[in-house]
Amino acid sequence: IWDWDVPNDLCYFSPRFRTLMGYPSEEYIGGFSALAAVVHPDDLLPTQQALQDHLEQRIPFQHKYRLRTVSGEYRWFM
């Protein structure tokens, strides 16, 4: 539902992801840093660790975390 070009910090966010987050389909959300900015504070460190494990050790990134939507509510994602 999202894909990250790491060297250029460019993200693709699918139309469904944008809908779930409350963004219009044509609005650009930003790079991974923009996505990380809306991770629930309690989920930030575990999410960063899971991502680091994926990038450094090739462990599959299958992680549950909450993201703050445009309306301010948090939704679970995996």
N, C-alpha and C. Protein backbone atom coordinates (compact mmCIF):
# COMPACT_ATOMS: atom_id res chain seq x y z
N ILE A 1 0.82 -1.19 0.00
CA ILE A 1 0.00 0.00 0.00
C ILE A 1 0.86 1.26 0.00
N TRP A 2 2.14 1.12 0.36
CA TRP A 2 3.10 2.19 0.13
C TRP A 2 4.43 1.57 -0.22
N ASP A 3 5.26 2.32 -0.94
CA ASP A 3 6.56 1.84 -1.37
C ASP A 3 7.55 2.99 -1.24
N TRP A 4 8.77 2.69 -0.79
CA TRP A 4 9.74 3.72 -0.46
C TRP A 4 11.00 3.58 -1.31
N ASP A 5 11.35 4.62 -2.05
CA ASP A 5 12.63 4.73 -2.75
C ASP A 5 13.60 5.32 -1.72
N VAL A 6 14.35 4.47 -1.04
CA VAL A 6 15.17 4.87 0.09
C VAL A 6 16.21 5.94 -0.27
N PRO A 7 17.04 5.74 -1.32
CA PRO A 7 18.09 6.74 -1.58
C PRO A 7 17.54 8.15 -1.85
N ASN A 8 16.36 8.23 -2.46
CA ASN A 8 15.80 9.53 -2.80
C ASN A 8 14.70 9.99 -1.84
N ASP A 9 14.40 9.19 -0.83
CA ASP A 9 13.32 9.45 0.13
C ASP A 9 12.04 9.88 -0.57
N LEU A 10 11.65 9.08 -1.57
CA LEU A 10 10.39 9.30 -2.26
C LEU A 10 9.48 8.11 -1.97
N CYS A 11 8.23 8.39 -1.66
CA CYS A 11 7.28 7.32 -1.37
C CYS A 11 6.13 7.34 -2.36
N TYR A 12 5.70 6.14 -2.70
CA TYR A 12 4.46 5.97 -3.45
C TYR A 12 3.41 5.54 -2.45
N PHE A 13 2.29 6.21 -2.43
CA PHE A 13 1.17 5.85 -1.57
C PHE A 13 -0.01 5.50 -2.45
N SER A 14 -0.51 4.29 -2.32
CA SER A 14 -1.61 3.82 -3.17
C SER A 14 -2.87 4.64 -2.91
N PRO A 15 -3.78 4.64 -3.88
CA PRO A 15 -5.06 5.34 -3.69
C PRO A 15 -5.80 4.84 -2.44
N ARG A 16 -5.76 3.54 -2.18
CA ARG A 16 -6.44 2.99 -1.00
C ARG A 16 -5.82 3.51 0.30
N PHE A 17 -4.49 3.58 0.34
CA PHE A 17 -3.81 4.12 1.51
C PHE A 17 -4.21 5.57 1.73
N ARG A 18 -4.23 6.35 0.66
CA ARG A 18 -4.63 7.76 0.77
C ARG A 18 -6.05 7.89 1.31
N THR A 19 -6.94 7.02 0.83
CA THR A 19 -8.33 7.03 1.32
C THR A 19 -8.37 6.71 2.81
N LEU A 20 -7.65 5.68 3.22
CA LEU A 20 -7.64 5.29 4.63
C LEU A 20 -7.07 6.40 5.52
N MET A 21 -6.12 7.16 4.97
CA MET A 21 -5.51 8.24 5.74
C MET A 21 -6.30 9.55 5.64
N GLY A 22 -7.23 9.65 4.68
CA GLY A 22 -8.05 10.84 4.55
C GLY A 22 -7.51 11.87 3.58
N TYR A 23 -6.53 11.50 2.75
CA TYR A 23 -5.97 12.42 1.76
C TYR A 23 -6.68 12.26 0.43
N PRO A 24 -6.84 13.36 -0.31
CA PRO A 24 -7.34 13.23 -1.69
C PRO A 24 -6.34 12.41 -2.50
N SER A 25 -6.82 11.71 -3.49
CA SER A 25 -5.96 10.80 -4.25
C SER A 25 -4.82 11.51 -4.98
N GLU A 26 -4.99 12.78 -5.30
CA GLU A 26 -3.94 13.49 -6.04
C GLU A 26 -2.94 14.21 -5.14
N GLU A 27 -3.20 14.29 -3.85
CA GLU A 27 -2.31 15.03 -2.95
C GLU A 27 -1.06 14.21 -2.64
N TYR A 28 0.11 14.84 -2.74
CA TYR A 28 1.37 14.19 -2.40
C TYR A 28 1.56 14.28 -0.89
N ILE A 29 1.83 13.16 -0.26
CA ILE A 29 1.96 13.12 1.19
C ILE A 29 3.38 13.45 1.62
N GLY A 30 4.38 13.04 0.87
CA GLY A 30 5.77 13.31 1.19
C GLY A 30 6.59 12.04 1.24
N GLY A 31 7.83 12.16 1.63
CA GLY A 31 8.73 11.02 1.75
C GLY A 31 8.45 10.22 3.01
N PHE A 32 9.34 9.30 3.31
CA PHE A 32 9.14 8.45 4.47
C PHE A 32 9.12 9.26 5.76
N SER A 33 9.88 10.34 5.81
CA SER A 33 9.88 11.17 7.01
C SER A 33 8.49 11.72 7.31
N ALA A 34 7.72 12.03 6.26
CA ALA A 34 6.34 12.50 6.45
C ALA A 34 5.47 11.39 7.02
N LEU A 35 5.70 10.17 6.56
CA LEU A 35 4.95 9.04 7.10
C LEU A 35 5.34 8.78 8.55
N ALA A 36 6.64 8.82 8.84
CA ALA A 36 7.12 8.59 10.21
C ALA A 36 6.57 9.64 11.18
N ALA A 37 6.31 10.84 10.68
CA ALA A 37 5.81 11.92 11.53
C ALA A 37 4.40 11.66 12.05
N VAL A 38 3.67 10.73 11.41
CA VAL A 38 2.30 10.45 11.85
C VAL A 38 2.16 9.09 12.53
N VAL A 39 3.30 8.43 12.79
CA VAL A 39 3.26 7.17 13.55
C VAL A 39 2.94 7.50 15.00
N HIS A 40 2.08 6.71 15.61
CA HIS A 40 1.72 6.90 17.02
C HIS A 40 3.00 6.89 17.86
N PRO A 41 3.12 7.80 18.83
CA PRO A 41 4.35 7.88 19.64
C PRO A 41 4.74 6.54 20.29
N ASP A 42 3.76 5.76 20.71
CA ASP A 42 4.07 4.47 21.34
C ASP A 42 4.58 3.44 20.34
N ASP A 43 4.35 3.68 19.06
CA ASP A 43 4.74 2.73 18.02
C ASP A 43 5.99 3.16 17.27
N LEU A 44 6.47 4.37 17.51
CA LEU A 44 7.56 4.92 16.71
C LEU A 44 8.85 4.11 16.83
N LEU A 45 9.35 3.89 18.04
CA LEU A 45 10.61 3.17 18.20
C LEU A 45 10.52 1.73 17.69
N PRO A 46 9.46 0.97 18.03
CA PRO A 46 9.37 -0.39 17.47
C PRO A 46 9.27 -0.40 15.95
N THR A 47 8.61 0.59 15.37
CA THR A 47 8.48 0.67 13.92
C THR A 47 9.83 0.99 13.29
N GLN A 48 10.55 1.93 13.89
CA GLN A 48 11.89 2.26 13.38
C GLN A 48 12.82 1.05 13.48
N GLN A 49 12.72 0.29 14.57
CA GLN A 49 13.55 -0.90 14.74
C GLN A 49 13.21 -1.97 13.70
N ALA A 50 11.92 -2.17 13.46
CA ALA A 50 11.50 -3.15 12.45
C ALA A 50 12.00 -2.75 11.06
N LEU A 51 11.96 -1.47 10.77
CA LEU A 51 12.45 -0.98 9.49
C LEU A 51 13.97 -1.15 9.39
N GLN A 52 14.67 -0.82 10.44
CA GLN A 52 16.13 -0.99 10.44
C GLN A 52 16.50 -2.46 10.27
N ASP A 53 15.79 -3.34 10.97
CA ASP A 53 16.03 -4.78 10.83
C ASP A 53 15.80 -5.24 9.39
N HIS A 54 14.78 -4.68 8.77
CA HIS A 54 14.48 -5.02 7.38
C HIS A 54 15.62 -4.58 6.45
N LEU A 55 16.06 -3.34 6.61
CA LEU A 55 17.08 -2.79 5.72
C LEU A 55 18.45 -3.43 5.94
N GLU A 56 18.80 -3.70 7.19
CA GLU A 56 20.14 -4.21 7.50
C GLU A 56 20.24 -5.73 7.45
N GLN A 57 19.16 -6.42 7.84
CA GLN A 57 19.23 -7.88 7.97
C GLN A 57 18.29 -8.60 7.01
N ARG A 58 17.59 -7.82 6.19
CA ARG A 58 16.64 -8.38 5.23
C ARG A 58 15.51 -9.15 5.90
N ILE A 59 15.18 -8.81 7.13
CA ILE A 59 14.03 -9.39 7.82
C ILE A 59 12.78 -8.77 7.20
N PRO A 60 11.79 -9.56 6.80
CA PRO A 60 10.58 -8.98 6.19
C PRO A 60 9.95 -7.92 7.10
N PHE A 61 9.54 -6.83 6.48
CA PHE A 61 8.89 -5.75 7.23
C PHE A 61 7.41 -6.07 7.32
N GLN A 62 7.07 -6.84 8.34
CA GLN A 62 5.68 -7.15 8.65
C GLN A 62 5.46 -6.68 10.08
N HIS A 63 4.90 -5.50 10.19
CA HIS A 63 4.85 -4.82 11.48
C HIS A 63 3.52 -4.10 11.61
N LYS A 64 2.92 -4.17 12.79
CA LYS A 64 1.68 -3.45 13.06
C LYS A 64 2.02 -2.13 13.75
N TYR A 65 1.38 -1.06 13.28
CA TYR A 65 1.61 0.26 13.86
C TYR A 65 0.39 1.13 13.58
N ARG A 66 0.25 2.19 14.36
CA ARG A 66 -0.85 3.13 14.19
C ARG A 66 -0.34 4.39 13.51
N LEU A 67 -1.18 4.91 12.61
CA LEU A 67 -0.89 6.17 11.93
C LEU A 67 -2.02 7.15 12.20
N ARG A 68 -1.65 8.42 12.39
CA ARG A 68 -2.64 9.49 12.60
C ARG A 68 -3.18 9.92 11.25
N THR A 69 -4.49 9.86 11.08
CA THR A 69 -5.14 10.25 9.84
C THR A 69 -5.30 11.77 9.80
N VAL A 70 -5.78 12.27 8.67
CA VAL A 70 -6.01 13.71 8.51
C VAL A 70 -6.98 14.22 9.58
N SER A 71 -7.96 13.40 9.97
CA SER A 71 -8.95 13.82 10.97
C SER A 71 -8.39 13.82 12.39
N GLY A 72 -7.19 13.25 12.58
CA GLY A 72 -6.57 13.21 13.91
C GLY A 72 -6.73 11.88 14.63
N GLU A 73 -7.58 10.99 14.10
CA GLU A 73 -7.72 9.68 14.73
C GLU A 73 -6.57 8.78 14.30
N TYR A 74 -6.31 7.76 15.10
CA TYR A 74 -5.27 6.79 14.76
C TYR A 74 -5.93 5.54 14.20
N ARG A 75 -5.29 4.97 13.17
CA ARG A 75 -5.73 3.72 12.57
C ARG A 75 -4.57 2.75 12.55
N TRP A 76 -4.90 1.48 12.75
CA TRP A 76 -3.89 0.42 12.70
C TRP A 76 -3.58 0.06 11.26
N PHE A 77 -2.31 -0.17 10.98
CA PHE A 77 -1.83 -0.63 9.68
C PHE A 77 -0.85 -1.76 9.90
N MET A 78 -0.68 -2.57 8.87
CA MET A 78 0.34 -3.62 8.91
C MET A 78 1.06 -3.60 7.59
